[in-house]
Amino acid sequence: MANPGQKVVLITGCSSGIGLRMAVMLAKDEKQRYHVIATMRDLKRKDKLVEAAGDAYGKSLSLAVLDVCTDESVKQCIDGIKDRHVDVLINNAGIGLVGPVESISIAEMKSVFETNFFGVIRMIKEVMPDMKKRKGGHIIVVSSVMGLQGVVFNDVYAASKFAMEGFCECLAVQLLKFNVTMSMIEPGPVHTEFESKMIQDVRQKEYPGADADTVNYFKNVYLPSSVDIFETLGQTPDDIARCTKKVIEQGSSARFRNLTNPLYTPIVALKYADETGGLSVHAFYHMLFNLGPLMHVSMKAMQYLTCGCLRSRTISPN
């Protein structure tokens, strides 16, 4: 239970990665401003979180079971909170999907949307009415830079994040009238166990339905380039947690969109520099198919392209 003056922060997807680090960082806040309710589908996976939380576990951090893919689980979790009072909702739970679209079943695509899109909507629908009644609250969605700029072979994942960005952009306008803040956290590559395992898995996977050329481009052009991008531009879960904490501290003055990595800003800027879309599409084409073998060099060049004025548009983790 939260102490008087503490904000109740509910976070989804806390068994590992970004969600775990967010939960621990907020629970260990030096000013003890937050009581964190860290949720996950299966509490058997709580050990890493409990170990990282240390003395905060059972005090400023509590655990709850939550599966964002079922209405019943979402309602039961919120009903279990005193007065259903949530000051800050952080929608972090998400899953990825990468590969040639011809080899991805509709069922797999629906699974991604069920978590990344409808899971977030379930959470928002459950806490938003109480926030509107209280005329206060902060809804944070961990989106992705891929919700702003599509990336080849990430078609379905990017689509789920684009959908989330559009939904939240619409809702943010209405929520302002009720003094409820909506904020998007938009990381680029993040070094997590989830990402490392996914890259390993897709290297070994077969892709029935996709032609040989496409599979070759995916495995031998995209994947090596993707590894270079992760190594050069990747942030840590702690980086994202720090950025999110800053957004929470900003409260009602927080920006709607918050890119966490200034090195990704030039890529997003390409899209907004040309309303026809041709500039970003062709830039990505040349980056992948013409500069693929030199991706590490081009990534280093991108660091120099990132000037101070673009950095000011991001939320720095430091």
Protein backbone atom coordinates (compact mmCIF):
# COMPACT_ATOMS: atom_id res chain seq x y z
CA MET A 1 0.00 0.00 0.00
CA ALA A 2 1.27 3.47 -0.88
CA ASN A 3 2.24 5.85 1.90
CA PRO A 4 0.58 9.29 2.03
CA GLY A 5 2.05 11.50 -0.68
CA GLN A 6 3.39 8.63 -2.75
CA LYS A 7 2.25 8.22 -6.33
CA VAL A 8 0.93 4.78 -7.27
CA VAL A 9 2.74 3.61 -10.41
CA LEU A 10 1.49 0.51 -12.23
CA ILE A 11 3.91 -1.03 -14.75
CA THR A 12 3.15 -3.89 -17.13
CA GLY A 13 5.72 -6.44 -18.29
CA CYS A 14 8.14 -6.34 -15.35
CA SER A 15 9.68 -9.82 -15.37
CA SER A 16 12.74 -8.65 -17.31
CA GLY A 17 14.30 -5.93 -19.43
CA ILE A 18 12.94 -2.40 -19.51
CA GLY A 19 9.95 -3.08 -17.25
CA LEU A 20 12.12 -4.63 -14.56
CA ARG A 21 14.55 -1.71 -14.56
CA MET A 22 11.72 0.85 -14.51
CA ALA A 23 10.12 -0.87 -11.52
CA VAL A 24 13.39 -1.04 -9.56
CA MET A 25 14.48 2.51 -10.35
CA LEU A 26 11.17 4.05 -9.31
CA ALA A 27 10.86 1.85 -6.21
CA LYS A 28 14.37 2.91 -5.12
CA ASP A 29 13.69 6.61 -5.69
CA GLU A 30 15.76 8.53 -3.13
CA LYS A 31 12.84 10.79 -2.26
CA GLN A 32 10.50 7.78 -1.90
CA ARG A 33 7.92 9.42 -4.15
CA TYR A 34 6.52 6.24 -5.68
CA HIS A 35 4.81 3.02 -4.74
CA VAL A 36 5.34 0.66 -7.66
CA ILE A 37 2.98 -2.14 -8.58
CA ALA A 38 5.09 -4.33 -10.86
CA THR A 39 3.04 -6.75 -12.91
CA MET A 40 3.73 -9.83 -15.00
CA ARG A 41 1.75 -12.73 -16.42
CA ASP A 42 3.44 -15.39 -14.29
CA LEU A 43 4.77 -14.65 -10.80
CA LYS A 44 7.06 -17.68 -11.13
CA ARG A 45 9.24 -15.29 -13.16
CA LYS A 46 9.55 -12.77 -10.32
CA ASP A 47 12.99 -13.83 -8.99
CA LYS A 48 15.12 -11.41 -11.05
CA LEU A 49 12.89 -8.50 -10.13
CA VAL A 50 12.78 -9.38 -6.43
CA GLU A 51 16.58 -9.74 -6.34
CA ALA A 52 17.12 -6.40 -8.12
CA ALA A 53 14.59 -4.63 -5.88
CA GLY A 54 16.33 -5.73 -2.69
CA ASP A 55 14.95 -3.99 0.40
CA ALA A 56 12.40 -2.09 -1.69
CA TYR A 57 10.45 -5.32 -2.29
CA GLY A 58 7.46 -5.44 0.03
CA LYS A 59 7.83 -1.76 0.87
CA SER A 60 7.81 0.57 -2.12
CA LEU A 61 7.41 -2.27 -4.60
CA SER A 62 4.68 -4.88 -4.72
CA LEU A 63 3.85 -7.54 -7.30
CA ALA A 64 0.63 -8.40 -9.11
CA VAL A 65 -0.41 -10.90 -11.75
CA LEU A 66 -1.53 -9.27 -14.98
CA ASP A 67 -2.05 -10.56 -18.50
CA VAL A 68 -2.80 -7.57 -20.74
CA CYS A 69 -4.34 -9.92 -23.31
CA THR A 70 -7.43 -10.75 -21.22
CA ASP A 71 -10.16 -8.40 -20.01
CA GLU A 72 -10.66 -10.44 -16.84
CA SER A 73 -7.01 -10.28 -15.77
CA VAL A 74 -6.83 -6.53 -16.37
CA LYS A 75 -10.00 -5.85 -14.38
CA GLN A 76 -8.97 -8.17 -11.54
CA CYS A 77 -5.59 -6.45 -11.23
CA ILE A 78 -7.02 -2.93 -11.08
CA ASP A 79 -9.80 -4.02 -8.71
CA GLY A 80 -7.08 -5.29 -6.37
CA ILE A 81 -5.61 -1.80 -5.98
CA LYS A 82 -6.95 0.33 -3.11
CA ASP A 83 -9.76 2.51 -4.45
CA ARG A 84 -8.58 1.48 -7.96
CA HIS A 85 -6.27 4.48 -7.64
CA VAL A 86 -3.43 4.59 -10.19
CA ASP A 87 -1.53 7.87 -10.58
CA VAL A 88 0.84 6.70 -13.31
CA LEU A 89 0.19 3.84 -15.73
CA ILE A 90 3.24 2.63 -17.66
CA ASN A 91 2.31 0.35 -20.54
CA ASN A 92 5.52 -1.54 -21.13
CA ALA A 93 4.47 -5.11 -22.00
CA GLY A 94 5.18 -5.92 -25.62
CA ILE A 95 6.37 -8.59 -28.03
CA GLY A 96 8.40 -8.43 -31.23
CA LEU A 97 8.16 -10.08 -34.63
CA VAL A 98 10.67 -9.86 -37.46
CA GLY A 99 11.05 -11.63 -40.79
CA PRO A 100 9.70 -11.83 -44.35
CA VAL A 101 6.00 -11.09 -44.22
CA GLU A 102 5.19 -13.99 -46.59
CA SER A 103 6.32 -16.43 -43.91
CA ILE A 104 4.34 -14.87 -41.04
CA SER A 105 0.88 -16.28 -40.36
CA ILE A 106 -2.13 -14.09 -39.69
CA ALA A 107 -2.35 -15.75 -36.25
CA GLU A 108 1.18 -14.57 -35.42
CA MET A 109 0.33 -11.05 -36.58
CA LYS A 110 -2.82 -11.01 -34.45
CA SER A 111 -0.78 -12.12 -31.42
CA VAL A 112 1.52 -9.11 -31.80
CA PHE A 113 -1.42 -6.71 -32.04
CA GLU A 114 -3.16 -8.41 -29.11
CA THR A 115 -0.27 -7.49 -26.81
CA ASN A 116 1.21 -4.34 -28.35
CA PHE A 117 -2.03 -2.62 -29.33
CA PHE A 118 -5.12 -4.10 -27.70
CA GLY A 119 -3.23 -4.89 -24.48
CA VAL A 120 -2.42 -1.20 -24.07
CA ILE A 121 -5.99 -0.20 -24.88
CA ARG A 122 -7.32 -2.62 -22.25
CA MET A 123 -5.13 -1.01 -19.61
CA ILE A 124 -6.02 2.52 -20.61
CA LYS A 125 -9.76 1.77 -20.68
CA GLU A 126 -9.55 0.32 -17.16
CA VAL A 127 -7.70 3.22 -15.48
CA MET A 128 -8.77 6.20 -17.59
CA PRO A 129 -12.31 6.69 -16.18
CA ASP A 130 -10.97 7.07 -12.61
CA MET A 131 -8.23 9.45 -13.77
CA LYS A 132 -10.80 11.58 -15.59
CA LYS A 133 -13.01 11.70 -12.49
CA ARG A 134 -10.06 12.79 -10.34
CA LYS A 135 -8.94 15.28 -13.01
CA GLY A 136 -5.41 13.93 -12.81
CA GLY A 137 -3.11 11.14 -13.91
CA HIS A 138 -0.33 10.21 -16.30
CA ILE A 139 -0.55 7.49 -18.94
CA ILE A 140 2.80 6.44 -20.40
CA VAL A 141 3.18 4.09 -23.34
CA VAL A 142 6.49 2.48 -24.22
CA SER A 143 6.26 2.68 -27.98
CA SER A 144 9.24 2.57 -30.36
CA VAL A 145 11.01 4.66 -32.93
CA MET A 146 9.42 2.10 -35.27
CA GLY A 147 6.09 3.69 -34.41
CA LEU A 148 7.38 6.78 -36.22
CA GLN A 149 9.52 5.28 -38.97
CA GLY A 150 9.03 1.84 -40.46
CA VAL A 151 12.02 -0.51 -40.72
CA VAL A 152 12.33 -3.23 -43.35
CA PHE A 153 11.41 -6.76 -42.23
CA ASN A 154 9.74 -5.35 -39.09
CA ASP A 155 6.47 -4.80 -40.94
CA VAL A 156 4.03 -6.24 -38.37
CA TYR A 157 5.83 -4.97 -35.26
CA ALA A 158 6.08 -1.47 -36.75
CA ALA A 159 2.40 -1.61 -37.73
CA SER A 160 1.41 -2.39 -34.12
CA LYS A 161 3.45 0.58 -32.88
CA PHE A 162 2.12 2.92 -35.60
CA ALA A 163 -1.40 1.92 -34.53
CA MET A 164 -0.56 2.68 -30.90
CA GLU A 165 0.93 6.06 -31.79
CA GLY A 166 -2.19 7.04 -33.74
CA PHE A 167 -4.55 5.88 -31.00
CA CYS A 168 -2.66 7.77 -28.29
CA GLU A 169 -2.28 10.91 -30.39
CA CYS A 170 -6.06 11.07 -30.74
CA LEU A 171 -6.71 10.29 -27.08
CA ALA A 172 -4.12 12.79 -25.79
CA VAL A 173 -6.22 15.69 -27.06
CA GLN A 174 -9.31 14.59 -25.13
CA LEU A 175 -7.36 13.78 -21.98
CA LEU A 176 -5.93 17.28 -21.77
CA LYS A 177 -9.45 18.51 -21.01
CA PHE A 178 -9.43 16.25 -17.92
CA ASN A 179 -5.89 17.22 -16.81
CA VAL A 180 -4.62 13.72 -17.69
CA THR A 181 -1.24 13.58 -19.44
CA MET A 182 -0.37 11.12 -22.20
CA SER A 183 3.30 10.46 -23.01
CA MET A 184 4.98 8.16 -25.51
CA ILE A 185 8.46 6.75 -24.79
CA GLU A 186 10.13 5.94 -28.11
CA PRO A 187 13.36 3.93 -27.80
CA GLY A 188 15.45 2.77 -30.70
CA PRO A 189 17.50 -0.43 -30.25
CA VAL A 190 17.78 -1.60 -26.64
CA HIS A 191 20.15 -4.29 -25.39
CA THR A 192 17.92 -6.84 -23.66
CA GLU A 193 17.80 -10.64 -23.34
CA PHE A 194 14.63 -10.47 -25.43
CA GLU A 195 16.41 -8.82 -28.37
CA SER A 196 19.48 -11.07 -28.21
CA LYS A 197 17.38 -14.23 -28.14
CA MET A 198 15.20 -13.00 -30.99
CA ILE A 199 18.22 -12.35 -33.24
CA GLN A 200 19.58 -15.82 -32.46
CA ASP A 201 16.24 -17.47 -33.17
CA VAL A 202 15.61 -15.76 -36.50
CA ARG A 203 19.06 -16.74 -37.78
CA GLN A 204 18.21 -20.42 -37.35
CA LYS A 205 14.59 -20.26 -38.44
CA GLU A 206 13.22 -21.42 -41.79
CA TYR A 207 10.92 -19.08 -43.72
CA PRO A 208 8.42 -21.13 -45.75
CA GLY A 209 6.46 -19.08 -48.25
CA ALA A 210 9.23 -16.55 -48.83
CA ASP A 211 11.31 -16.71 -52.01
CA ALA A 212 15.02 -17.48 -51.84
CA ASP A 213 16.11 -13.92 -52.70
CA THR A 214 14.01 -12.41 -49.92
CA VAL A 215 15.30 -14.93 -47.36
CA ASN A 216 18.85 -14.16 -48.50
CA TYR A 217 18.32 -10.39 -48.10
CA PHE A 218 16.83 -10.97 -44.67
CA LYS A 219 19.47 -13.33 -43.29
CA ASN A 220 22.59 -12.07 -45.03
CA VAL A 221 21.91 -8.36 -45.49
CA TYR A 222 19.35 -7.21 -42.91
CA LEU A 223 20.46 -9.29 -39.90
CA PRO A 224 24.18 -8.34 -40.02
CA SER A 225 23.20 -4.70 -40.48
CA SER A 226 20.75 -4.99 -37.58
CA VAL A 227 23.52 -6.30 -35.32
CA ASP A 228 25.72 -3.34 -36.31
CA ILE A 229 22.88 -0.93 -35.50
CA PHE A 230 22.33 -2.53 -32.09
CA GLU A 231 26.03 -2.39 -31.27
CA THR A 232 26.41 1.23 -32.38
CA LEU A 233 23.09 2.82 -31.41
CA GLY A 234 21.81 0.47 -28.71
CA GLN A 235 20.81 1.76 -25.27
CA THR A 236 20.42 -0.17 -22.03
CA PRO A 237 17.16 -0.82 -20.16
CA ASP A 238 18.47 1.55 -17.47
CA ASP A 239 18.73 4.31 -20.10
CA ILE A 240 15.06 3.88 -20.96
CA ALA A 241 14.09 3.68 -17.29
CA ARG A 242 15.89 6.96 -16.55
CA CYS A 243 14.19 8.66 -19.48
CA THR A 244 10.80 7.42 -18.29
CA LYS A 245 11.46 8.62 -14.75
CA LYS A 246 12.24 12.09 -16.11
CA VAL A 247 8.96 12.11 -18.01
CA ILE A 248 7.08 11.17 -14.82
CA GLU A 249 8.85 13.94 -12.91
CA GLN A 250 7.81 16.47 -15.56
CA GLY A 251 4.16 15.64 -14.86
CA SER A 252 1.62 17.68 -16.80
CA SER A 253 4.42 19.53 -18.65
CA ALA A 254 5.81 16.30 -20.12
CA ARG A 255 6.04 16.13 -23.88
CA PHE A 256 3.76 13.81 -25.82
CA ARG A 257 6.56 12.18 -27.84
CA ASN A 258 9.89 11.36 -26.17
CA LEU A 259 12.64 9.86 -28.32
CA THR A 260 15.19 8.35 -25.95
CA ASN A 261 18.14 8.13 -28.33
CA PRO A 262 19.47 11.28 -30.08
CA LEU A 263 21.42 9.09 -32.52
CA TYR A 264 18.12 7.98 -34.04
CA THR A 265 16.78 11.51 -34.52
CA PRO A 266 18.25 12.03 -38.02
CA ILE A 267 16.45 8.90 -39.27
CA VAL A 268 13.10 10.16 -37.99
CA ALA A 269 13.89 13.65 -39.31
CA LEU A 270 14.18 12.26 -42.86
CA LYS A 271 10.52 11.35 -42.77
CA TYR A 272 9.33 14.77 -41.69
CA ALA A 273 11.66 16.55 -44.13
CA ASP A 274 9.76 15.11 -47.11
CA GLU A 275 5.98 14.73 -46.95
CA THR A 276 5.99 12.42 -50.02
CA GLY A 277 7.87 9.74 -48.08
CA GLY A 278 10.37 9.20 -50.87
CA LEU A 279 13.37 10.55 -48.98
CA SER A 280 13.11 8.14 -46.05
CA VAL A 281 12.16 5.12 -48.21
CA HIS A 282 15.11 5.61 -50.56
CA ALA A 283 17.49 6.45 -47.72
CA PHE A 284 16.66 3.17 -45.99
CA TYR A 285 17.01 1.31 -49.30
CA HIS A 286 20.49 2.68 -49.93
CA MET A 287 21.51 2.22 -46.31
CA LEU A 288 20.56 -1.47 -46.40
CA PHE A 289 21.33 -2.62 -49.93
CA ASN A 290 24.15 -0.29 -50.96
CA LEU A 291 25.79 0.47 -47.64
CA GLY A 292 25.02 -2.88 -45.98
CA PRO A 293 28.67 -4.08 -46.05
CA LEU A 294 29.72 -0.66 -44.70
CA MET A 295 26.91 -0.41 -42.13
CA HIS A 296 29.27 -0.02 -39.19
CA VAL A 297 30.99 2.93 -40.88
CA SER A 298 27.65 4.50 -41.84
CA MET A 299 26.42 4.14 -38.27
CA LYS A 300 29.50 5.98 -37.02
CA ALA A 301 28.83 8.69 -39.60
CA MET A 302 25.28 8.99 -38.26
CA GLN A 303 26.70 9.85 -34.85
CA TYR A 304 28.42 12.88 -36.39
CA LEU A 305 25.20 13.85 -38.21
CA THR A 306 23.44 14.15 -34.87
CA CYS A 307 23.89 17.80 -33.98
CA GLY A 308 23.03 19.55 -30.74
CA CYS A 309 19.76 20.94 -32.06
CA LEU A 310 18.51 17.42 -32.76
CA ARG A 311 19.72 16.15 -29.41
CA SER A 312 17.57 18.77 -27.72
CA ARG A 313 14.49 17.03 -29.13
CA THR A 314 15.16 13.87 -27.14
CA ILE A 315 14.93 12.90 -23.48
CA SER A 316 18.52 12.25 -22.43
CA PRO A 317 19.05 9.33 -20.05
CA ASN A 318 21.88 11.19 -18.33
